[in-house]
């Protein structure tokens, strides 16, 4: 499973990653907008003609949770109350505890369906584990990951090894122990040498 801290991404790249992951996970097309003041909307889709679902991404790697919480309470909350979306989803690159999610969901009540509408670092890594194609599209992530880069570089070897293993397992199902096997094992155990000839 991936374990990114997302520090290699800038704010806009993180916003695109968040929209891509949620789009794949929720199976919706998420609209994104040009860089600049967003009035609290980094992405959106319509659950029905008058039900706007809003996504806001906060890539606050250096600020920490206390700074994020303060900003959400003093600035972001007013934007959301002005927007009045039918649903509000907040995505952050920060790691979050259960209590952190509870505090954030409370700030944006009743616009969040619950604490599950708060996505933290752990959630994003879980989504990347389920949607590998998204990880591949965001090359800055996997270029910084020796595990993923190694998997890409060694893909041909891994593929051939898996194929050979599947063949061995298929043939092993047909193997039957005979008296020759018992005699060979006895010989090997007593003399530590065994010579096999024939097919």
C-alpha atoms as a PDB file:
ATOM      1  CA  UNK A   1       0.000   0.000   0.000  1.00  0.00           C
ATOM      2  CA  UNK A   2       1.322   3.492  -0.799  1.00  0.00           C
ATOM      3  CA  UNK A   3       2.573   5.667   2.054  1.00  0.00           C
ATOM      4  CA  UNK A   4       2.999   9.171   0.675  1.00  0.00           C
ATOM      5  CA  UNK A   5       3.196  12.407   2.693  1.00  0.00           C
ATOM      6  CA  UNK A   6       2.454  14.406  -0.518  1.00  0.00           C
ATOM      7  CA  UNK A   7       5.203  16.981   0.162  1.00  0.00           C
ATOM      8  CA  UNK A   8       6.514  16.655  -3.419  1.00  0.00           C
ATOM      9  CA  UNK A   9       3.259  18.157  -4.763  1.00  0.00           C
ATOM     10  CA  UNK A  10       2.436  21.855  -4.888  1.00  0.00           C
ATOM     11  CA  UNK A  11      -1.039  23.123  -3.919  1.00  0.00           C
ATOM     12  CA  UNK A  12      -2.533  22.851  -7.420  1.00  0.00           C
ATOM     13  CA  UNK A  13      -1.076  19.374  -8.000  1.00  0.00           C
ATOM     14  CA  UNK A  14      -2.516  18.216  -4.685  1.00  0.00           C
ATOM     15  CA  UNK A  15      -5.902  19.650  -5.641  1.00  0.00           C
ATOM     16  CA  UNK A  16      -5.808  17.733  -8.963  1.00  0.00           C
ATOM     17  CA  UNK A  17      -4.804  14.516  -7.167  1.00  0.00           C
ATOM     18  CA  UNK A  18      -7.672  14.888  -4.682  1.00  0.00           C
ATOM     19  CA  UNK A  19     -10.192  15.441  -7.489  1.00  0.00           C
ATOM     20  CA  UNK A  20      -8.826  12.473  -9.471  1.00  0.00           C
ATOM     21  CA  UNK A  21      -9.016  10.124  -6.485  1.00  0.00           C
ATOM     22  CA  UNK A  22     -12.526  11.166  -5.482  1.00  0.00           C
ATOM     23  CA  UNK A  23     -13.684  10.994  -9.097  1.00  0.00           C
ATOM     24  CA  UNK A  24     -12.497   7.373  -9.346  1.00  0.00           C
ATOM     25  CA  UNK A  25     -13.757   6.381  -5.907  1.00  0.00           C
ATOM     26  CA  UNK A  26     -17.205   7.999  -6.215  1.00  0.00           C
ATOM     27  CA  UNK A  27     -17.568   7.358  -9.963  1.00  0.00           C
ATOM     28  CA  UNK A  28     -18.482  10.947 -10.804  1.00  0.00           C
ATOM     29  CA  UNK A  29     -16.967  13.579 -13.080  1.00  0.00           C
ATOM     30  CA  UNK A  30     -15.624  16.330 -10.881  1.00  0.00           C
ATOM     31  CA  UNK A  31     -15.367  19.830 -12.332  1.00  0.00           C
ATOM     32  CA  UNK A  32     -12.194  21.744 -11.498  1.00  0.00           C
ATOM     33  CA  UNK A  33     -11.424  25.411 -11.954  1.00  0.00           C
ATOM     34  CA  UNK A  34      -8.474  27.621 -12.903  1.00  0.00           C
ATOM     35  CA  UNK A  35      -5.945  28.636 -10.224  1.00  0.00           C
ATOM     36  CA  UNK A  36      -6.810  31.661  -8.110  1.00  0.00           C
ATOM     37  CA  UNK A  37      -9.427  32.623  -5.541  1.00  0.00           C
ATOM     38  CA  UNK A  38     -11.924  29.798  -5.456  1.00  0.00           C
ATOM     39  CA  UNK A  39     -14.481  31.009  -2.860  1.00  0.00           C
ATOM     40  CA  UNK A  40     -14.126  27.657  -1.128  1.00  0.00           C
ATOM     41  CA  UNK A  41     -14.644  25.464  -4.214  1.00  0.00           C
ATOM     42  CA  UNK A  42     -11.721  23.442  -5.618  1.00  0.00           C
ATOM     43  CA  UNK A  43     -14.004  20.934  -7.299  1.00  0.00           C
ATOM     44  CA  UNK A  44     -17.668  20.094  -7.602  1.00  0.00           C
ATOM     45  CA  UNK A  45     -20.330  17.933  -9.151  1.00  0.00           C
ATOM     46  CA  UNK A  46     -24.107  17.936  -9.060  1.00  0.00           C
ATOM     47  CA  UNK A  47     -25.826  15.016  -7.347  1.00  0.00           C
ATOM     48  CA  UNK A  48     -29.023  16.323  -8.999  1.00  0.00           C
ATOM     49  CA  UNK A  49     -29.868  19.619 -10.789  1.00  0.00           C
ATOM     50  CA  UNK A  50     -30.015  21.723  -7.604  1.00  0.00           C
ATOM     51  CA  UNK A  51     -27.736  19.673  -5.337  1.00  0.00           C
ATOM     52  CA  UNK A  52     -24.151  20.909  -5.639  1.00  0.00           C
ATOM     53  CA  UNK A  53     -21.438  18.819  -3.967  1.00  0.00           C
ATOM     54  CA  UNK A  54     -18.346  20.902  -3.164  1.00  0.00           C
ATOM     55  CA  UNK A  55     -14.778  19.673  -2.628  1.00  0.00           C
ATOM     56  CA  UNK A  56     -12.137  21.788  -0.913  1.00  0.00           C
ATOM     57  CA  UNK A  57      -8.471  20.695  -0.745  1.00  0.00           C
ATOM     58  CA  UNK A  58      -6.032  21.919   1.887  1.00  0.00           C
ATOM     59  CA  UNK A  59      -2.402  21.005   1.265  1.00  0.00           C
ATOM     60  CA  UNK A  60      -1.040  22.385   4.522  1.00  0.00           C
ATOM     61  CA  UNK A  61       2.014  20.206   5.047  1.00  0.00           C
ATOM     62  CA  UNK A  62       4.031  22.746   7.049  1.00  0.00           C
ATOM     63  CA  UNK A  63       1.189  24.435   8.929  1.00  0.00           C
ATOM     64  CA  UNK A  64       0.094  21.389  10.922  1.00  0.00           C
ATOM     65  CA  UNK A  65      -3.312  20.425  12.230  1.00  0.00           C
ATOM     66  CA  UNK A  66      -3.715  23.288  14.746  1.00  0.00           C
ATOM     67  CA  UNK A  67      -3.165  25.885  11.998  1.00  0.00           C
ATOM     68  CA  UNK A  68      -5.557  24.092   9.654  1.00  0.00           C
ATOM     69  CA  UNK A  69      -8.279  23.867  12.295  1.00  0.00           C
ATOM     70  CA  UNK A  70      -7.931  27.578  13.130  1.00  0.00           C
ATOM     71  CA  UNK A  71      -8.214  28.490   9.426  1.00  0.00           C
ATOM     72  CA  UNK A  72     -11.251  26.246   8.894  1.00  0.00           C
ATOM     73  CA  UNK A  73     -13.055  27.812  11.862  1.00  0.00           C
ATOM     74  CA  UNK A  74     -12.251  31.448  11.083  1.00  0.00           C
ATOM     75  CA  UNK A  75     -12.215  31.596   7.258  1.00  0.00           C
ATOM     76  CA  UNK A  76     -13.443  28.467   5.504  1.00  0.00           C
ATOM     77  CA  UNK A  77     -16.583  27.940   7.587  1.00  0.00           C
ATOM     78  CA  UNK A  78     -18.026  31.316   6.512  1.00  0.00           C
ATOM     79  CA  UNK A  79     -17.399  30.462   2.824  1.00  0.00           C
ATOM     80  CA  UNK A  80     -19.239  27.159   3.157  1.00  0.00           C
ATOM     81  CA  UNK A  81     -22.201  28.745   4.953  1.00  0.00           C
ATOM     82  CA  UNK A  82     -22.400  31.296   2.127  1.00  0.00           C
ATOM     83  CA  UNK A  83     -22.248  28.559  -0.550  1.00  0.00           C
ATOM     84  CA  UNK A  84     -24.805  26.304   1.194  1.00  0.00           C
ATOM     85  CA  UNK A  85     -23.846  23.150  -0.783  1.00  0.00           C
ATOM     86  CA  UNK A  86     -25.926  20.012  -0.450  1.00  0.00           C
ATOM     87  CA  UNK A  87     -22.703  18.262   0.573  1.00  0.00           C
ATOM     88  CA  UNK A  88     -19.214  19.474   1.471  1.00  0.00           C
ATOM     89  CA  UNK A  89     -16.077  17.301   1.287  1.00  0.00           C
ATOM     90  CA  UNK A  90     -12.748  18.427   2.728  1.00  0.00           C
ATOM     91  CA  UNK A  91      -9.444  16.838   1.664  1.00  0.00           C
ATOM     92  CA  UNK A  92      -6.128  17.497   3.383  1.00  0.00           C
ATOM     93  CA  UNK A  93      -2.610  16.145   3.022  1.00  0.00           C
ATOM     94  CA  UNK A  94      -2.236  16.129   6.811  1.00  0.00           C
ATOM     95  CA  UNK A  95      -2.515  12.895   8.802  1.00  0.00           C
ATOM     96  CA  UNK A  96      -5.741  12.930  10.837  1.00  0.00           C
ATOM     97  CA  UNK A  97      -6.945  11.117  13.933  1.00  0.00           C
ATOM     98  CA  UNK A  98     -10.535  10.084  14.594  1.00  0.00           C
ATOM     99  CA  UNK A  99     -10.875  13.093  16.914  1.00  0.00           C
ATOM    100  CA  UNK A 100      -9.476  15.436  14.232  1.00  0.00           C
ATOM    101  CA  UNK A 101     -12.129  14.261  11.766  1.00  0.00           C
ATOM    102  CA  UNK A 102     -14.832  14.716  14.374  1.00  0.00           C
ATOM    103  CA  UNK A 103     -13.728  18.327  15.022  1.00  0.00           C
ATOM    104  CA  UNK A 104     -13.639  19.186  11.303  1.00  0.00           C
ATOM    105  CA  UNK A 105     -17.017  17.565  10.606  1.00  0.00           C
ATOM    106  CA  UNK A 106     -18.542  19.558  13.479  1.00  0.00           C
ATOM    107  CA  UNK A 107     -17.280  22.855  11.973  1.00  0.00           C
ATOM    108  CA  UNK A 108     -19.013  22.115   8.657  1.00  0.00           C
ATOM    109  CA  UNK A 109     -22.210  20.589   9.997  1.00  0.00           C
ATOM    110  CA  UNK A 110     -24.817  20.208   8.483  1.00  0.00           C
ATOM    111  CA  UNK A 111     -23.066  20.355   5.094  1.00  0.00           C
ATOM    112  CA  UNK A 112     -20.973  17.228   5.671  1.00  0.00           C
ATOM    113  CA  UNK A 113     -22.715  13.870   5.657  1.00  0.00           C
ATOM    114  CA  UNK A 114     -20.387  12.854   8.481  1.00  0.00           C
ATOM    115  CA  UNK A 115     -16.770  12.364   9.466  1.00  0.00           C
ATOM    116  CA  UNK A 116     -16.243  10.244   6.329  1.00  0.00           C
ATOM    117  CA  UNK A 117     -16.490  13.446   4.284  1.00  0.00           C
ATOM    118  CA  UNK A 118     -13.108  14.432   5.749  1.00  0.00           C
ATOM    119  CA  UNK A 119     -10.211  12.825   3.865  1.00  0.00           C
ATOM    120  CA  UNK A 120      -6.746  12.880   5.431  1.00  0.00           C
ATOM    121  CA  UNK A 121      -3.332  11.555   4.440  1.00  0.00           C
ATOM    122  CA  UNK A 122      -4.173   7.967   5.410  1.00  0.00           C
ATOM    123  CA  UNK A 123      -7.411   8.019   3.400  1.00  0.00           C
ATOM    124  CA  UNK A 124      -5.623   9.331   0.313  1.00  0.00           C
ATOM    125  CA  UNK A 125      -3.021   6.565   0.529  1.00  0.00           C
ATOM    126  CA  UNK A 126      -5.812   3.979   0.859  1.00  0.00           C
ATOM    127  CA  UNK A 127      -7.492   5.415  -2.254  1.00  0.00           C
ATOM    128  CA  UNK A 128      -4.189   5.344  -4.153  1.00  0.00           C
ATOM    129  CA  UNK A 129      -3.886   1.658  -3.230  1.00  0.00           C
ATOM    130  CA  UNK A 130      -7.295   1.016  -4.802  1.00  0.00           C
ATOM    131  CA  UNK A 131      -6.798   3.240  -7.854  1.00  0.00           C
ATOM    132  CA  UNK A 132      -3.313   2.533  -9.180  1.00  0.00           C
ATOM    133  CA  UNK A 133      -4.043   4.312 -12.464  1.00  0.00           C
ATOM    134  CA  UNK A 134      -4.382   7.589 -10.529  1.00  0.00           C
ATOM    135  CA  UNK A 135      -1.005   7.027  -8.901  1.00  0.00           C
ATOM    136  CA  UNK A 136       0.565   6.445 -12.321  1.00  0.00           C
ATOM    137  CA  UNK A 137      -0.939   9.681 -13.697  1.00  0.00           C
ATOM    138  CA  UNK A 138       0.686  11.693 -10.891  1.00  0.00           C
ATOM    139  CA  UNK A 139       4.316  10.943 -11.707  1.00  0.00           C
ATOM    140  CA  UNK A 140       5.751  13.283  -9.063  1.00  0.00           C
ATOM    141  CA  UNK A 141       4.428  10.903  -6.418  1.00  0.00           C
ATOM    142  CA  UNK A 142       5.955   7.702  -7.707  1.00  0.00           C
ATOM    143  CA  UNK A 143       9.207   9.284  -8.876  1.00  0.00           C
ATOM    144  CA  UNK A 144       9.797  10.073  -5.196  1.00  0.00           C
ATOM    145  CA  UNK A 145       8.854   6.526  -4.120  1.00  0.00           C
ATOM    146  CA  UNK A 146      11.622   3.951  -4.443  1.00  0.00           C
ATOM    147  CA  UNK A 147       9.093   1.116  -3.967  1.00  0.00           C
ATOM    148  CA  UNK A 148       6.826   2.217  -6.821  1.00  0.00           C
ATOM    149  CA  UNK A 149       9.718   3.136  -9.093  1.00  0.00           C
ATOM    150  CA  UNK A 150      11.313  -0.278  -8.433  1.00  0.00           C
ATOM    151  CA  UNK A 151       8.025  -1.991  -9.295  1.00  0.00           C
ATOM    152  CA  UNK A 152       7.806  -0.090 -12.592  1.00  0.00           C
ATOM    153  CA  UNK A 153      11.432  -0.765 -13.528  1.00  0.00           C
ATOM    154  CA  UNK A 154      11.194  -4.470 -12.631  1.00  0.00           C
ATOM    155  CA  UNK A 155       7.716  -5.026 -14.056  1.00  0.00           C
ATOM    156  CA  UNK A 156       8.887  -7.412 -16.819  1.00  0.00           C
ATOM    157  CA  UNK A 157      10.814  -9.605 -14.353  1.00  0.00           C
ATOM    158  CA  UNK A 158       7.903  -9.641 -11.908  1.00  0.00           C
ATOM    159  CA  UNK A 159       5.480 -10.549 -14.717  1.00  0.00           C
ATOM    160  CA  UNK A 160       7.653 -13.450 -15.927  1.00  0.00           C
ATOM    161  CA  UNK A 161       8.158 -14.695 -12.368  1.00  0.00           C
ATOM    162  CA  UNK A 162       4.405 -14.687 -11.699  1.00  0.00           C
ATOM    163  CA  UNK A 163       3.823 -16.574 -14.945  1.00  0.00           C
ATOM    164  CA  UNK A 164       6.468 -19.209 -14.087  1.00  0.00           C
ATOM    165  CA  UNK A 165       5.003 -19.624 -10.593  1.00  0.00           C
ATOM    166  CA  UNK A 166       1.502 -20.150 -12.001  1.00  0.00           C
ATOM    167  CA  UNK A 167       2.860 -22.841 -14.369  1.00  0.00           C
ATOM    168  CA  UNK A 168       4.633 -24.614 -11.479  1.00  0.00           C
ATOM    169  CA  UNK A 169       1.479 -24.550  -9.354  1.00  0.00           C
ATOM    170  CA  UNK A 170      -0.584 -25.948 -12.236  1.00  0.00           C
ATOM    171  CA  UNK A 171       1.922 -28.772 -12.786  1.00  0.00           C
ATOM    172  CA  UNK A 172       2.227 -29.453  -9.037  1.00  0.00           C
ATOM    173  CA  UNK A 173      -1.456 -30.365  -8.985  1.00  0.00           C
ATOM    174  CA  UNK A 174      -0.642 -33.304 -11.295  1.00  0.00           C
ATOM    175  CA  UNK A 175       2.334 -34.573  -9.229  1.00  0.00           C
ATOM    176  CA  UNK A 176       1.939 -37.934  -7.481  1.00  0.00           C
ATOM    177  CA  UNK A 177       4.421 -39.360  -4.947  1.00  0.00           C
ATOM    178  CA  UNK A 178       5.532 -42.839  -5.938  1.00  0.00           C
ATOM    179  CA  UNK A 179       7.861 -45.406  -4.370  1.00  0.00           C
ATOM    180  CA  UNK A 180      10.675 -43.808  -6.439  1.00  0.00           C
ATOM    181  CA  UNK A 181      10.257 -40.603  -4.420  1.00  0.00           C
ATOM    182  CA  UNK A 182      10.485 -42.503  -1.105  1.00  0.00           C
ATOM    183  CA  UNK A 183      13.628 -44.363  -2.277  1.00  0.00           C
ATOM    184  CA  UNK A 184      15.226 -41.134  -3.516  1.00  0.00           C
ATOM    185  CA  UNK A 185      14.578 -39.364  -0.192  1.00  0.00           C
ATOM    186  CA  UNK A 186      16.042 -42.318   1.738  1.00  0.00           C
ATOM    187  CA  UNK A 187      19.164 -42.219  -0.477  1.00  0.00           C
ATOM    188  CA  UNK A 188      19.514 -38.443  -0.114  1.00  0.00           C
ATOM    189  CA  UNK A 189      19.147 -38.554   3.690  1.00  0.00           C
ATOM    190  CA  UNK A 190      21.662 -41.342   4.197  1.00  0.00           C
ATOM    191  CA  UNK A 191      24.377 -40.477   1.638  1.00  0.00           C
ATOM    192  CA  UNK A 192      23.648 -36.761   1.018  1.00  0.00           C
ATOM    193  CA  UNK A 193      24.000 -37.447  -2.702  1.00  0.00           C
ATOM    194  CA  UNK A 194      21.380 -38.302  -5.288  1.00  0.00           C
ATOM    195  CA  UNK A 195      21.801 -38.729  -9.020  1.00  0.00           C
ATOM    196  CA  UNK A 196      18.648 -38.334 -11.151  1.00  0.00           C
ATOM    197  CA  UNK A 197      18.496 -39.620 -14.733  1.00  0.00           C
ATOM    198  CA  UNK A 198      15.745 -39.909 -17.296  1.00  0.00           C
ATOM    199  CA  UNK A 199      12.734 -37.647 -17.836  1.00  0.00           C
END
